[in-house]
Amino acid sequence: MLLHVFGAAATYVLGRHAARGFPDPTALALARALGSSLLLAALFGTLVPRPRFPPRAWLQLLALGVLLVPLNQLAFLVGLKDTVPGHPAVIYAMTPVGVLVLQSALDRRAPSRAKALGVLAALAGVVVVLRPWVRGPDFARVRRGDLWILLGLLVWVVYTVAARPLVRRHDARSVTAWSLILGTAVLLPFSAGPLLATDFAAVPARAWLGVAWLAAVTSTAMMLLWNRMLRHLEPVEVAICANAQPAATALLVAALAAAGWEAPSEAQDLGPLYWLGTALVVTGVFLVQRRPARGE
């Protein structure tokens, strides 16, 4: 889980350079998806077993692929261009809350009073971070990016809940690989034109580093790890690794800013309200994940 936390923190930082370096987010999404698909295909027969899915499972993989690539990854990259790295970390820390709400709705059972309080606390924290009462063009741009990230989170929650039954019945590595490959195939007709029209020579080196990280680490290594954890744990338990992402991202950006990699004025928004919102989200997530004591 620590590896997943570090990988996510670096994704918010390096992915932002890729999102700002590519002129079209759909071109970036396809470049990322093609890179991860080729990496996973190269692992067939070694790290990734060859597929043995019945016909119905292929349809489920296609649905997971649509959720993962054209919806989640594209919304994430569109939002990442306008927001600051600390905000997606806080928003994605809401993953356990979203999973709880969706799972409770599917099971047709109301969450406990403590978990409901946790949901409210986490939502209040996101509102504090988004600050809808603040005016100005710069903050409006950041807020627009945050809303796209929030949309990506909602899709990610659906994917996390929907993927678990499949990774329980089949090899998690094969599920990861083929959902990504099928999602890439769905995205291809819509994004091939913008990708081919991209002036690759004008894309800065930091953006290419971001693309490489998104493809090799975020979409390949981290997705393999995520689905592997889903095989053995409940979705809410797997999502616990999102708790440490806000602090890890803030520390990483501060270190990169000190090293001259990030511009401190543009890298993040770490005022008192950010930390208050983060504290509310983490508290809410703790209440959601807390196991009730006997007698409660």
Protein backbone atom coordinates (compact mmCIF):
# COMPACT_ATOMS: atom_id res chain seq x y z
CA MET A 1 0.00 0.00 0.00
CA LEU A 2 2.92 2.37 0.65
CA LEU A 3 4.07 1.85 -2.93
CA HIS A 4 0.57 2.74 -4.13
CA VAL A 5 0.57 5.94 -2.03
CA PHE A 6 3.93 7.07 -3.45
CA GLY A 7 2.87 6.18 -6.98
CA ALA A 8 -0.34 8.20 -6.63
CA ALA A 9 1.48 11.24 -5.21
CA ALA A 10 3.93 11.22 -8.13
CA THR A 11 1.03 10.74 -10.56
CA TYR A 12 -0.59 14.01 -9.45
CA VAL A 13 2.69 15.89 -9.91
CA LEU A 14 4.14 14.30 -13.06
CA GLY A 15 0.74 13.80 -14.67
CA ARG A 16 0.09 17.54 -14.37
CA HIS A 17 3.20 18.25 -16.46
CA ALA A 18 1.93 15.82 -19.10
CA ALA A 19 -1.55 17.37 -19.05
CA ARG A 20 -0.09 20.86 -19.54
CA GLY A 21 2.48 19.79 -22.13
CA PHE A 22 0.05 18.04 -24.49
CA PRO A 23 -2.25 20.39 -26.45
CA ASP A 24 -5.19 17.95 -26.44
CA PRO A 25 -6.22 15.82 -23.43
CA THR A 26 -7.72 13.13 -25.66
CA ALA A 27 -4.36 12.75 -27.41
CA LEU A 28 -2.64 12.44 -24.03
CA ALA A 29 -5.22 9.90 -22.84
CA LEU A 30 -4.61 7.75 -25.92
CA ALA A 31 -0.81 8.04 -25.63
CA ARG A 32 -1.05 6.89 -22.02
CA ALA A 33 -3.46 4.07 -22.84
CA LEU A 34 -1.43 2.81 -25.80
CA GLY A 35 1.74 2.84 -23.71
CA SER A 36 0.21 0.81 -20.90
CA SER A 37 -1.51 -1.58 -23.33
CA LEU A 38 1.78 -2.30 -25.11
CA LEU A 39 3.56 -2.85 -21.80
CA LEU A 40 0.89 -5.27 -20.61
CA ALA A 41 0.84 -7.10 -23.96
CA ALA A 42 4.60 -7.57 -23.68
CA LEU A 43 4.03 -9.31 -20.34
CA PHE A 44 1.59 -11.89 -21.73
CA GLY A 45 2.71 -15.42 -20.95
CA THR A 46 5.09 -14.28 -18.21
CA LEU A 47 3.83 -11.86 -15.56
CA VAL A 48 0.34 -11.71 -17.09
CA PRO A 49 -1.28 -15.12 -17.77
CA ARG A 50 -3.01 -15.72 -21.07
CA PRO A 51 -6.76 -15.00 -20.89
CA ARG A 52 -9.26 -17.74 -20.10
CA PHE A 53 -12.52 -15.82 -19.88
CA PRO A 54 -16.01 -17.06 -20.80
CA PRO A 55 -18.00 -14.87 -23.24
CA ARG A 56 -19.91 -13.07 -20.48
CA ALA A 57 -16.68 -12.13 -18.73
CA TRP A 58 -15.40 -10.47 -21.93
CA LEU A 59 -18.47 -8.21 -21.91
CA GLN A 60 -17.77 -7.34 -18.28
CA LEU A 61 -14.15 -6.57 -19.15
CA LEU A 62 -15.32 -4.29 -21.95
CA ALA A 63 -17.56 -2.42 -19.51
CA LEU A 64 -14.67 -2.09 -17.04
CA GLY A 65 -12.45 -0.84 -19.85
CA VAL A 66 -14.95 1.87 -20.80
CA LEU A 67 -15.12 2.99 -17.18
CA LEU A 68 -11.35 2.95 -16.79
CA VAL A 69 -9.97 4.53 -19.97
CA PRO A 70 -12.43 6.77 -21.90
CA LEU A 71 -14.22 7.89 -18.72
CA ASN A 72 -11.95 7.83 -15.66
CA GLN A 73 -8.57 8.48 -17.24
CA LEU A 74 -9.81 11.13 -19.65
CA ALA A 75 -11.72 13.05 -16.97
CA PHE A 76 -8.66 12.85 -14.70
CA LEU A 77 -6.31 14.26 -17.34
CA VAL A 78 -8.71 17.07 -18.32
CA GLY A 79 -8.97 18.10 -14.67
CA LEU A 80 -5.28 17.71 -13.92
CA LYS A 81 -4.40 20.40 -16.46
CA ASP A 82 -6.24 23.12 -14.53
CA THR A 83 -6.04 22.08 -10.88
CA VAL A 84 -3.08 21.87 -8.48
CA PRO A 85 -1.56 18.54 -7.32
CA GLY A 86 -2.84 18.74 -3.75
CA HIS A 87 -6.51 18.91 -4.75
CA PRO A 88 -6.77 15.59 -6.65
CA ALA A 89 -5.06 13.89 -3.71
CA VAL A 90 -7.78 15.14 -1.35
CA ILE A 91 -10.58 14.30 -3.79
CA TYR A 92 -9.29 10.76 -4.43
CA ALA A 93 -8.91 10.27 -0.68
CA MET A 94 -12.73 10.20 -0.81
CA THR A 95 -12.60 6.82 -2.59
CA PRO A 96 -13.58 4.76 0.51
CA VAL A 97 -16.53 7.09 1.14
CA GLY A 98 -17.77 6.71 -2.42
CA VAL A 99 -17.32 2.94 -2.27
CA LEU A 100 -19.30 2.77 0.99
CA VAL A 101 -22.17 4.83 -0.42
CA LEU A 102 -22.35 2.81 -3.65
CA GLN A 103 -22.01 -0.55 -1.90
CA SER A 104 -24.70 0.40 0.64
CA ALA A 105 -27.03 1.41 -2.19
CA LEU A 106 -26.41 -1.86 -4.03
CA ASP A 107 -26.96 -3.88 -0.85
CA ARG A 108 -30.04 -1.79 0.01
CA ARG A 109 -28.88 -1.14 3.53
CA ALA A 110 -28.30 2.14 5.31
CA PRO A 111 -24.81 2.79 6.73
CA SER A 112 -24.42 3.12 10.48
CA ARG A 113 -24.73 6.49 12.16
CA ALA A 114 -20.94 6.77 12.53
CA LYS A 115 -20.35 5.97 8.86
CA ALA A 116 -23.04 8.43 7.78
CA LEU A 117 -21.33 11.08 9.91
CA GLY A 118 -18.06 10.17 8.20
CA VAL A 119 -19.62 10.67 4.78
CA LEU A 120 -20.88 14.12 5.79
CA ALA A 121 -17.49 15.09 7.26
CA ALA A 122 -15.65 14.01 4.10
CA LEU A 123 -18.08 15.89 1.84
CA ALA A 124 -17.67 18.99 4.01
CA GLY A 125 -13.90 18.66 3.64
CA VAL A 126 -14.12 18.58 -0.15
CA VAL A 127 -16.34 21.68 -0.10
CA VAL A 128 -13.75 23.48 2.05
CA VAL A 129 -10.99 22.54 -0.40
CA LEU A 130 -13.05 23.57 -3.46
CA ARG A 131 -14.19 26.82 -1.78
CA PRO A 132 -17.15 27.66 -4.06
CA TRP A 133 -17.48 31.05 -2.33
CA VAL A 134 -14.09 32.28 -3.65
CA ARG A 135 -14.20 34.39 -6.82
CA GLY A 136 -11.53 35.17 -9.41
CA PRO A 137 -10.34 33.70 -12.74
CA ASP A 138 -7.42 31.75 -11.28
CA PHE A 139 -9.48 29.98 -8.67
CA ALA A 140 -12.31 29.44 -11.16
CA ARG A 141 -9.83 27.57 -13.38
CA VAL A 142 -8.65 25.43 -10.46
CA ARG A 143 -12.25 24.74 -9.44
CA ARG A 144 -13.11 23.68 -13.00
CA GLY A 145 -10.25 21.21 -12.90
CA ASP A 146 -11.39 19.95 -9.49
CA LEU A 147 -14.87 19.22 -10.85
CA TRP A 148 -13.38 17.09 -13.64
CA ILE A 149 -11.28 15.25 -11.05
CA LEU A 150 -14.43 14.71 -8.99
CA LEU A 151 -16.14 13.22 -12.05
CA GLY A 152 -13.16 10.90 -12.50
CA LEU A 153 -13.45 9.87 -8.85
CA LEU A 154 -17.11 8.91 -9.28
CA VAL A 155 -16.19 6.68 -12.23
CA TRP A 156 -13.28 5.21 -10.26
CA VAL A 157 -15.63 4.29 -7.40
CA VAL A 158 -17.94 2.47 -9.82
CA TYR A 159 -14.94 0.66 -11.34
CA THR A 160 -13.62 -0.40 -7.92
CA VAL A 161 -16.96 -1.90 -6.88
CA ALA A 162 -17.63 -3.48 -10.29
CA ALA A 163 -14.17 -5.01 -10.69
CA ARG A 164 -14.10 -6.93 -7.43
CA PRO A 165 -16.39 -9.84 -8.43
CA LEU A 166 -14.41 -10.36 -11.62
CA VAL A 167 -10.97 -10.35 -9.94
CA ARG A 168 -12.34 -12.82 -7.38
CA ARG A 169 -13.30 -15.29 -10.12
CA HIS A 170 -10.37 -14.74 -12.50
CA ASP A 171 -6.71 -13.83 -12.36
CA ALA A 172 -6.40 -10.15 -11.32
CA ARG A 173 -3.52 -9.57 -13.71
CA SER A 174 -5.51 -10.75 -16.72
CA VAL A 175 -8.51 -8.65 -15.65
CA THR A 176 -6.27 -5.57 -15.36
CA ALA A 177 -4.56 -6.12 -18.70
CA TRP A 178 -7.64 -6.82 -20.78
CA SER A 179 -9.82 -4.12 -19.25
CA LEU A 180 -7.10 -1.59 -20.12
CA ILE A 181 -6.59 -2.98 -23.63
CA LEU A 182 -10.32 -3.06 -24.41
CA GLY A 183 -10.76 0.44 -22.98
CA THR A 184 -7.93 1.64 -25.22
CA ALA A 185 -9.65 0.09 -28.25
CA VAL A 186 -12.85 2.00 -27.40
CA LEU A 187 -10.93 5.28 -27.04
CA LEU A 188 -8.89 4.81 -30.23
CA PRO A 189 -11.46 5.99 -32.85
CA PHE A 190 -12.13 9.20 -30.91
CA SER A 191 -8.53 10.10 -30.05
CA ALA A 192 -6.41 8.84 -32.95
CA GLY A 193 -6.91 12.06 -34.94
CA PRO A 194 -5.81 14.45 -32.15
CA LEU A 195 -2.82 12.21 -31.32
CA LEU A 196 -1.63 12.07 -34.95
CA ALA A 197 -2.06 15.84 -35.24
CA THR A 198 0.15 16.47 -32.18
CA ASP A 199 3.44 18.27 -32.77
CA PHE A 200 5.53 15.86 -30.72
CA ALA A 201 8.67 17.99 -31.05
CA ALA A 202 6.89 20.80 -29.21
CA VAL A 203 5.99 18.60 -26.24
CA PRO A 204 8.44 19.41 -23.41
CA ALA A 205 10.64 16.77 -21.80
CA ARG A 206 8.77 16.98 -18.48
CA ALA A 207 5.54 16.15 -20.28
CA TRP A 208 7.12 13.05 -21.82
CA LEU A 209 8.35 12.02 -18.38
CA GLY A 210 4.77 12.43 -17.16
CA VAL A 211 3.44 10.28 -20.02
CA ALA A 212 5.99 7.57 -19.25
CA TRP A 213 5.04 7.60 -15.56
CA LEU A 214 1.30 7.52 -16.31
CA ALA A 215 1.69 4.60 -18.73
CA ALA A 216 4.28 2.48 -16.92
CA VAL A 217 3.51 3.16 -13.27
CA THR A 218 -0.02 4.56 -12.87
CA SER A 219 -1.83 2.53 -15.54
CA THR A 220 0.28 -0.63 -15.40
CA ALA A 221 2.03 -1.24 -12.06
CA MET A 222 -0.50 0.54 -9.85
CA MET A 223 -3.51 -0.99 -11.62
CA LEU A 224 -2.03 -4.48 -11.27
CA LEU A 225 -1.48 -3.78 -7.57
CA TRP A 226 -4.98 -2.30 -7.09
CA ASN A 227 -6.79 -5.25 -8.64
CA ARG A 228 -4.51 -7.67 -6.77
CA MET A 229 -5.58 -6.07 -3.49
CA LEU A 230 -9.24 -6.18 -4.57
CA ARG A 231 -8.90 -9.95 -4.91
CA HIS A 232 -8.07 -10.36 -1.23
CA LEU A 233 -9.74 -7.37 0.48
CA GLU A 234 -13.05 -5.55 0.48
CA PRO A 235 -13.20 -2.45 -1.79
CA VAL A 236 -13.38 -0.11 1.22
CA GLU A 237 -10.30 -1.79 2.73
CA VAL A 238 -8.34 -1.47 -0.51
CA ALA A 239 -9.25 2.20 -0.77
CA ILE A 240 -7.56 2.90 2.57
CA CYS A 241 -4.32 3.57 0.68
CA ALA A 242 -5.90 6.84 -0.53
CA ASN A 243 -5.82 8.21 3.04
CA ALA A 244 -2.15 9.16 2.98
CA GLN A 245 -2.18 10.66 -0.52
CA PRO A 246 -2.83 14.33 0.45
CA ALA A 247 0.10 14.49 2.87
CA ALA A 248 2.37 12.48 0.55
CA THR A 249 1.54 14.72 -2.40
CA ALA A 250 2.09 17.91 -0.39
CA LEU A 251 5.49 16.66 0.81
CA LEU A 252 6.53 15.60 -2.69
CA VAL A 253 5.57 18.92 -4.26
CA ALA A 254 7.32 20.86 -1.48
CA ALA A 255 10.49 18.81 -2.04
CA LEU A 256 10.35 19.33 -5.81
CA ALA A 257 9.71 23.04 -5.37
CA ALA A 258 12.75 23.29 -3.09
CA ALA A 259 14.78 21.50 -5.77
CA GLY A 260 13.55 23.93 -8.45
CA TRP A 261 11.40 21.39 -10.30
CA GLU A 262 8.07 23.00 -9.35
CA ALA A 263 7.21 26.71 -9.20
CA PRO A 264 6.02 27.24 -5.59
CA SER A 265 3.40 29.80 -6.63
CA GLU A 266 1.81 27.38 -9.11
CA ALA A 267 2.50 23.99 -7.56
CA GLN A 268 -0.17 23.83 -4.92
CA ASP A 269 -2.68 25.54 -2.69
CA LEU A 270 -1.68 24.68 0.86
CA GLY A 271 -3.27 27.36 3.00
CA PRO A 272 -5.11 26.72 6.29
CA LEU A 273 -8.37 25.90 4.46
CA TYR A 274 -6.64 23.20 2.44
CA TRP A 275 -5.39 21.49 5.58
CA LEU A 276 -8.76 21.95 7.32
CA GLY A 277 -10.51 20.33 4.34
CA THR A 278 -7.92 17.54 4.28
CA ALA A 279 -8.42 16.90 8.00
CA LEU A 280 -12.19 16.69 7.52
CA VAL A 281 -11.82 14.25 4.61
CA VAL A 282 -9.36 12.02 6.47
CA THR A 283 -11.55 12.08 9.60
CA GLY A 284 -14.58 11.17 7.53
CA VAL A 285 -12.72 8.34 5.82
CA PHE A 286 -11.55 7.05 9.23
CA LEU A 287 -15.15 6.94 10.44
CA VAL A 288 -16.22 5.17 7.25
CA GLN A 289 -13.50 2.52 7.57
CA ARG A 290 -13.70 2.10 11.34
CA ARG A 291 -14.94 -1.30 12.38
CA PRO A 292 -17.72 -1.05 14.97
CA ALA A 293 -16.90 -2.33 18.41
CA ARG A 294 -18.98 -5.16 19.81
CA GLY A 295 -22.30 -3.93 21.03
CA GLU A 296 -22.40 -0.89 18.72
